[in-house]
Amino acid sequence: MIERLVEIMVRLRDPETGCSWDVAQDFATIAPYTIEEAYEVADAIARNDMPDLKDELGDLLLQVVFHARIAEEAGHFALPDVVAAISDKMERRHPHIFGDGAEGGHPPWEQIKANERADKGAGGALDGVAVGLPALLRAGKLQKRAARTGFDWPDPEGARAKVFEEIDEVETATSVDHQEEEIGDLLFSVVNWARKLGIEPEAALRRANDKFERRFKAMEADAGPAFESLDLAAMEVLWQRAKVSNEQR
């Protein structure tokens, strides 16, 4: 069945008879769409919308086929090589299932991944954490990698204290550039505190975004067309009313 999708992409990328937009694309121009489609998959899952999830997974699959086709045209690799590579990786990372697993038990996944990085010449603890990840997600991954070396707070209290230390440094920053740096440190510290509390910061922020959006829309609906003409004090009254209304649902 995937052969049909591959053939569609071949025709779209044909320099003579294909689609001019598809022909003009390369890895860099397609990458933002790949990221966007991954987030739309996550959104469909969060909404528990199975029909939409089916469509979004198809859109994400198209991105894989698109990148593979560009690579094949350049002589790097083709889609079967991508499938073979991930198949090999999954078997390698599950020796208790596909290898000599008579001893039973799940192998240390991160140790296997560390060995793979070492084989690639990337032996540092932080090597291989993709630069293109969303900053919040990358911060968490960097911290987890560092923690495996022992560079970590022994409990959440140390991480919590660091958050307040960074707040003080933001307040005493001497320039906009300095403030930006210290705000970055503060956000990094909040991610670290969340990690020590066992909370996924991306999920927590997504929940906060949803809550803010829900309450703000309730404010707008409450005030009607006059909303934007209200002063901050009046908006605060609406905000508190929206909070109470949302919490009662």
Foldseek 3Di string as FASTA:
>chain_A
DVVVLLVLLVQQCPPPRHPPVLVPDAPVVLVVVLVVLVVQLVVCVVVVPVVSNVVSVVSNVSSLSSHQVRCVVVVNHHPVVVVVVVVVVVCQLACCVNNPNPVDDHDDNVVSVLVVCVVVVNNDLLPPQDPPDPPLVSLLSNQVSVVVVVPADPALVVLVVQLVVLVVQLVPQDDPVSNVVSVVSNSSSVSRSCVRVVHHVVVVVVVVVVLVVQLVVQLCVVVDPCSVVDDPVVSVVSSVVSVVVVVVD
